[in-house]
Amino acid sequence: MIAVTTEMLVDVWQRLLADPRKSWVLFEHGTCVVVTAPEGDLAERATEVLREFGPVHAGSSAGDFGVIDAKDADGWVVTGHHRDVLTYVAPDEPRDRSDIAVG
């Protein structure tokens, strides 16, 4: 298993979120929050989104997720309750490549 570094995650998100009008903040474990109106402290705004829309509990509407096969990077993007909160999952992370295991 290859350790995913911050530099690797930044590279992946730069490829996946190529729209220069969008700003984003990278958090641990590959989670990225897209900040559509980049004003003020981006990290603070992104943290507020995570605070408001987390934590996720299985069985709740916030626990619903989708899995997107990343075309511009090996691996997957997991979507959730808030459309601007995304998580990258590297191809060697899940043993099982089903959507349930990836998500």
N, C-alpha and C. Protein backbone atom coordinates (compact mmCIF):
# COMPACT_ATOMS: atom_id res chain seq x y z
N MET A 1 0.85 -1.18 0.00
CA MET A 1 0.00 0.00 0.00
C MET A 1 0.89 1.24 0.00
N ILE A 2 0.61 2.17 -0.87
CA ILE A 2 1.38 3.41 -0.97
C ILE A 2 0.74 4.45 -0.06
N ALA A 3 1.55 5.09 0.75
CA ALA A 3 1.04 6.15 1.62
C ALA A 3 0.68 7.37 0.78
N VAL A 4 -0.53 7.87 0.95
CA VAL A 4 -0.98 9.04 0.22
C VAL A 4 -0.49 10.27 0.99
N THR A 5 0.31 11.09 0.32
CA THR A 5 0.86 12.28 0.96
C THR A 5 0.00 13.50 0.64
N THR A 6 0.22 14.55 1.39
CA THR A 6 -0.48 15.81 1.14
C THR A 6 -0.21 16.29 -0.28
N GLU A 7 1.03 16.18 -0.72
CA GLU A 7 1.39 16.62 -2.07
C GLU A 7 0.62 15.83 -3.13
N MET A 8 0.46 14.54 -2.91
CA MET A 8 -0.30 13.71 -3.85
C MET A 8 -1.76 14.15 -3.88
N LEU A 9 -2.33 14.42 -2.71
CA LEU A 9 -3.73 14.85 -2.65
C LEU A 9 -3.92 16.20 -3.32
N VAL A 10 -3.00 17.13 -3.11
CA VAL A 10 -3.09 18.44 -3.76
C VAL A 10 -3.06 18.27 -5.28
N ASP A 11 -2.17 17.42 -5.77
CA ASP A 11 -2.08 17.17 -7.20
C ASP A 11 -3.38 16.58 -7.74
N VAL A 12 -3.94 15.62 -7.04
CA VAL A 12 -5.20 14.99 -7.47
C VAL A 12 -6.31 16.02 -7.54
N TRP A 13 -6.48 16.82 -6.47
CA TRP A 13 -7.57 17.80 -6.45
C TRP A 13 -7.36 18.89 -7.48
N GLN A 14 -6.12 19.27 -7.75
CA GLN A 14 -5.88 20.27 -8.80
C GLN A 14 -6.31 19.74 -10.16
N ARG A 15 -6.13 18.45 -10.40
CA ARG A 15 -6.57 17.85 -11.66
C ARG A 15 -8.09 17.69 -11.70
N LEU A 16 -8.67 17.29 -10.59
CA LEU A 16 -10.10 17.04 -10.56
C LEU A 16 -10.94 18.32 -10.53
N LEU A 17 -10.42 19.34 -9.88
CA LEU A 17 -11.15 20.61 -9.75
C LEU A 17 -10.44 21.68 -10.57
N ALA A 18 -10.48 21.51 -11.86
CA ALA A 18 -9.69 22.35 -12.77
C ALA A 18 -10.28 23.74 -12.98
N ASP A 19 -11.48 24.01 -12.52
CA ASP A 19 -12.10 25.32 -12.71
C ASP A 19 -11.38 26.36 -11.86
N PRO A 20 -10.68 27.30 -12.48
CA PRO A 20 -9.90 28.28 -11.71
C PRO A 20 -10.75 29.26 -10.90
N ARG A 21 -12.05 29.30 -11.16
CA ARG A 21 -12.93 30.19 -10.39
C ARG A 21 -13.31 29.61 -9.04
N LYS A 22 -13.00 28.35 -8.84
CA LYS A 22 -13.35 27.71 -7.57
C LYS A 22 -12.13 27.56 -6.69
N SER A 23 -12.33 27.86 -5.44
CA SER A 23 -11.28 27.65 -4.44
C SER A 23 -11.67 26.42 -3.64
N TRP A 24 -10.69 25.80 -3.02
CA TRP A 24 -10.98 24.61 -2.23
C TRP A 24 -9.98 24.49 -1.10
N VAL A 25 -10.40 23.74 -0.08
CA VAL A 25 -9.58 23.53 1.11
C VAL A 25 -9.46 22.02 1.30
N LEU A 26 -8.23 21.55 1.49
CA LEU A 26 -7.96 20.13 1.69
C LEU A 26 -7.87 19.83 3.17
N PHE A 27 -8.58 18.77 3.58
CA PHE A 27 -8.54 18.31 4.96
C PHE A 27 -7.91 16.92 4.99
N GLU A 28 -7.75 16.39 6.19
CA GLU A 28 -7.18 15.06 6.36
C GLU A 28 -7.98 14.01 5.61
N HIS A 29 -7.31 12.93 5.28
CA HIS A 29 -7.92 11.76 4.68
C HIS A 29 -8.51 12.03 3.30
N GLY A 30 -8.04 13.08 2.62
CA GLY A 30 -8.46 13.33 1.25
C GLY A 30 -9.75 14.11 1.10
N THR A 31 -10.32 14.60 2.18
CA THR A 31 -11.56 15.37 2.09
C THR A 31 -11.26 16.78 1.62
N CYS A 32 -12.07 17.23 0.67
CA CYS A 32 -11.91 18.54 0.07
C CYS A 32 -13.25 19.26 0.15
N VAL A 33 -13.20 20.53 0.55
CA VAL A 33 -14.41 21.35 0.55
C VAL A 33 -14.22 22.43 -0.50
N VAL A 34 -15.11 22.46 -1.48
CA VAL A 34 -15.07 23.49 -2.52
C VAL A 34 -15.76 24.73 -1.97
N VAL A 35 -15.08 25.86 -2.08
CA VAL A 35 -15.63 27.12 -1.60
C VAL A 35 -16.02 27.92 -2.84
N THR A 36 -17.31 27.98 -3.12
CA THR A 36 -17.78 28.57 -4.37
C THR A 36 -17.73 30.10 -4.38
N ALA A 37 -17.79 30.72 -3.23
CA ALA A 37 -17.68 32.18 -3.14
C ALA A 37 -16.48 32.48 -2.24
N PRO A 38 -15.28 32.48 -2.82
CA PRO A 38 -14.06 32.61 -2.00
C PRO A 38 -13.84 34.01 -1.43
N GLU A 39 -14.43 34.23 -0.28
CA GLU A 39 -14.26 35.50 0.43
C GLU A 39 -13.84 35.18 1.85
N GLY A 40 -12.99 36.00 2.41
CA GLY A 40 -12.56 35.79 3.79
C GLY A 40 -11.62 34.62 3.91
N ASP A 41 -11.56 34.05 5.09
CA ASP A 41 -10.68 32.92 5.40
C ASP A 41 -11.29 31.64 4.86
N LEU A 42 -10.68 31.08 3.82
CA LEU A 42 -11.24 29.89 3.18
C LEU A 42 -11.29 28.69 4.12
N ALA A 43 -10.24 28.49 4.90
CA ALA A 43 -10.21 27.36 5.84
C ALA A 43 -11.33 27.48 6.86
N GLU A 44 -11.58 28.70 7.33
CA GLU A 44 -12.65 28.92 8.30
C GLU A 44 -14.01 28.62 7.67
N ARG A 45 -14.24 29.09 6.45
CA ARG A 45 -15.51 28.84 5.77
C ARG A 45 -15.71 27.35 5.52
N ALA A 46 -14.65 26.66 5.08
CA ALA A 46 -14.75 25.22 4.82
C ALA A 46 -15.01 24.44 6.11
N THR A 47 -14.37 24.85 7.19
CA THR A 47 -14.58 24.20 8.48
C THR A 47 -16.02 24.38 8.95
N GLU A 48 -16.60 25.56 8.69
CA GLU A 48 -18.00 25.81 9.05
C GLU A 48 -18.93 24.85 8.29
N VAL A 49 -18.62 24.59 7.01
CA VAL A 49 -19.43 23.65 6.22
C VAL A 49 -19.35 22.27 6.85
N LEU A 50 -18.14 21.83 7.19
CA LEU A 50 -17.99 20.50 7.80
C LEU A 50 -18.68 20.44 9.16
N ARG A 51 -18.60 21.49 9.91
CA ARG A 51 -19.23 21.52 11.23
C ARG A 51 -20.75 21.44 11.09
N GLU A 52 -21.30 22.16 10.11
CA GLU A 52 -22.76 22.19 9.92
C GLU A 52 -23.29 20.87 9.33
N PHE A 53 -22.54 20.27 8.43
CA PHE A 53 -23.04 19.08 7.72
C PHE A 53 -22.40 17.78 8.18
N GLY A 54 -21.76 17.77 9.31
CA GLY A 54 -21.17 16.56 9.85
C GLY A 54 -21.49 16.48 11.32
N PRO A 55 -21.14 15.43 11.98
CA PRO A 55 -20.63 14.19 11.41
C PRO A 55 -21.74 13.40 10.72
N VAL A 56 -21.32 12.49 9.90
CA VAL A 56 -22.26 11.66 9.15
C VAL A 56 -22.55 10.40 9.95
N HIS A 57 -23.83 10.07 10.04
CA HIS A 57 -24.25 8.86 10.76
C HIS A 57 -24.95 7.92 9.78
N ALA A 58 -24.55 6.66 9.79
CA ALA A 58 -25.17 5.67 8.92
C ALA A 58 -26.67 5.61 9.19
N GLY A 59 -27.43 5.50 8.13
CA GLY A 59 -28.88 5.40 8.25
C GLY A 59 -29.59 6.74 8.20
N SER A 60 -28.85 7.83 8.34
CA SER A 60 -29.47 9.16 8.24
C SER A 60 -29.34 9.64 6.80
N SER A 61 -30.08 10.71 6.45
CA SER A 61 -29.96 11.25 5.09
C SER A 61 -28.55 11.74 4.83
N ALA A 62 -27.85 12.17 5.87
CA ALA A 62 -26.46 12.61 5.71
C ALA A 62 -25.53 11.42 5.43
N GLY A 63 -25.98 10.22 5.70
CA GLY A 63 -25.17 9.03 5.47
C GLY A 63 -25.22 8.53 4.04
N ASP A 64 -26.09 9.12 3.22
CA ASP A 64 -26.16 8.74 1.81
C ASP A 64 -24.92 9.25 1.09
N PHE A 65 -24.39 8.46 0.18
CA PHE A 65 -23.20 8.88 -0.55
C PHE A 65 -23.24 8.34 -1.97
N GLY A 66 -22.42 8.93 -2.81
CA GLY A 66 -22.25 8.46 -4.17
C GLY A 66 -20.77 8.26 -4.44
N VAL A 67 -20.45 7.43 -5.40
CA VAL A 67 -19.06 7.16 -5.75
C VAL A 67 -18.89 7.47 -7.24
N ILE A 68 -17.89 8.30 -7.53
CA ILE A 68 -17.59 8.68 -8.91
C ILE A 68 -16.21 8.14 -9.25
N ASP A 69 -16.12 7.44 -10.37
CA ASP A 69 -14.82 6.97 -10.87
C ASP A 69 -14.09 8.19 -11.42
N ALA A 70 -12.99 8.57 -10.80
CA ALA A 70 -12.26 9.77 -11.20
C ALA A 70 -11.58 9.53 -12.54
N LYS A 71 -11.95 10.28 -13.54
CA LYS A 71 -11.38 10.12 -14.89
C LYS A 71 -9.98 10.73 -14.98
N ASP A 72 -9.75 11.83 -14.26
CA ASP A 72 -8.46 12.53 -14.36
C ASP A 72 -7.46 12.11 -13.30
N ALA A 73 -7.81 11.11 -12.51
CA ALA A 73 -6.90 10.60 -11.47
C ALA A 73 -7.31 9.17 -11.15
N ASP A 74 -6.36 8.33 -10.85
CA ASP A 74 -6.70 6.98 -10.43
C ASP A 74 -7.42 7.06 -9.09
N GLY A 75 -8.48 6.32 -8.95
CA GLY A 75 -9.21 6.31 -7.69
C GLY A 75 -10.64 6.78 -7.88
N TRP A 76 -11.24 7.19 -6.77
CA TRP A 76 -12.65 7.57 -6.75
C TRP A 76 -12.85 8.86 -5.96
N VAL A 77 -13.97 9.50 -6.24
CA VAL A 77 -14.41 10.64 -5.45
C VAL A 77 -15.73 10.23 -4.80
N VAL A 78 -15.81 10.41 -3.50
CA VAL A 78 -17.02 10.08 -2.77
C VAL A 78 -17.76 11.38 -2.48
N THR A 79 -19.02 11.41 -2.88
CA THR A 79 -19.87 12.57 -2.65
C THR A 79 -20.79 12.28 -1.47
N GLY A 80 -21.34 13.33 -0.90
CA GLY A 80 -22.19 13.11 0.26
C GLY A 80 -23.34 14.09 0.34
N HIS A 81 -23.74 14.36 1.54
CA HIS A 81 -24.92 15.18 1.86
C HIS A 81 -24.77 16.61 1.33
N HIS A 82 -23.59 17.16 1.38
CA HIS A 82 -23.34 18.51 0.89
C HIS A 82 -22.56 18.41 -0.41
N ARG A 83 -23.03 19.03 -1.47
CA ARG A 83 -22.43 18.86 -2.80
C ARG A 83 -21.01 19.38 -2.92
N ASP A 84 -20.58 20.23 -2.00
CA ASP A 84 -19.23 20.79 -2.06
C ASP A 84 -18.24 20.09 -1.13
N VAL A 85 -18.66 19.02 -0.51
CA VAL A 85 -17.76 18.22 0.33
C VAL A 85 -17.50 16.90 -0.39
N LEU A 86 -16.24 16.68 -0.74
CA LEU A 86 -15.84 15.52 -1.53
C LEU A 86 -14.67 14.84 -0.86
N THR A 87 -14.56 13.54 -1.03
CA THR A 87 -13.42 12.81 -0.49
C THR A 87 -12.80 11.95 -1.58
N TYR A 88 -11.48 12.05 -1.71
CA TYR A 88 -10.76 11.23 -2.68
C TYR A 88 -10.33 9.94 -1.99
N VAL A 89 -10.54 8.82 -2.70
CA VAL A 89 -10.11 7.52 -2.23
C VAL A 89 -9.15 6.96 -3.27
N ALA A 90 -7.91 6.72 -2.84
CA ALA A 90 -6.88 6.20 -3.74
C ALA A 90 -7.18 4.76 -4.13
N PRO A 91 -6.69 4.31 -5.29
CA PRO A 91 -7.04 2.97 -5.77
C PRO A 91 -6.56 1.82 -4.89
N ASP A 92 -5.55 2.04 -4.06
CA ASP A 92 -5.06 0.95 -3.22
C ASP A 92 -5.65 0.98 -1.81
N GLU A 93 -6.56 1.92 -1.52
CA GLU A 93 -7.14 2.00 -0.18
C GLU A 93 -8.16 0.91 0.11
N PRO A 94 -9.20 0.74 -0.72
CA PRO A 94 -10.16 -0.32 -0.38
C PRO A 94 -9.70 -1.66 -0.92
N ARG A 95 -9.88 -2.69 -0.13
CA ARG A 95 -9.59 -4.05 -0.62
C ARG A 95 -10.63 -4.45 -1.64
N ASP A 96 -11.85 -4.10 -1.36
CA ASP A 96 -12.98 -4.38 -2.23
C ASP A 96 -13.27 -3.09 -3.01
N ARG A 97 -13.46 -3.18 -4.31
CA ARG A 97 -13.66 -1.99 -5.13
C ARG A 97 -15.16 -1.69 -5.38
N SER A 98 -16.00 -2.27 -4.57
CA SER A 98 -17.44 -1.97 -4.72
C SER A 98 -17.71 -0.57 -4.18
N ASP A 99 -18.82 0.02 -4.63
CA ASP A 99 -19.16 1.37 -4.16
C ASP A 99 -19.31 1.43 -2.64
N ILE A 100 -19.86 0.37 -2.06
CA ILE A 100 -20.04 0.35 -0.60
C ILE A 100 -18.69 0.40 0.11
N ALA A 101 -17.72 -0.38 -0.35
CA ALA A 101 -16.40 -0.40 0.28
C ALA A 101 -15.66 0.91 0.06
N VAL A 102 -15.75 1.47 -1.13
CA VAL A 102 -15.08 2.74 -1.44
C VAL A 102 -15.70 3.86 -0.62
N GLY A 103 -17.03 3.90 -0.57
CA GLY A 103 -17.73 4.97 0.16
C GLY A 103 -17.53 4.86 1.64
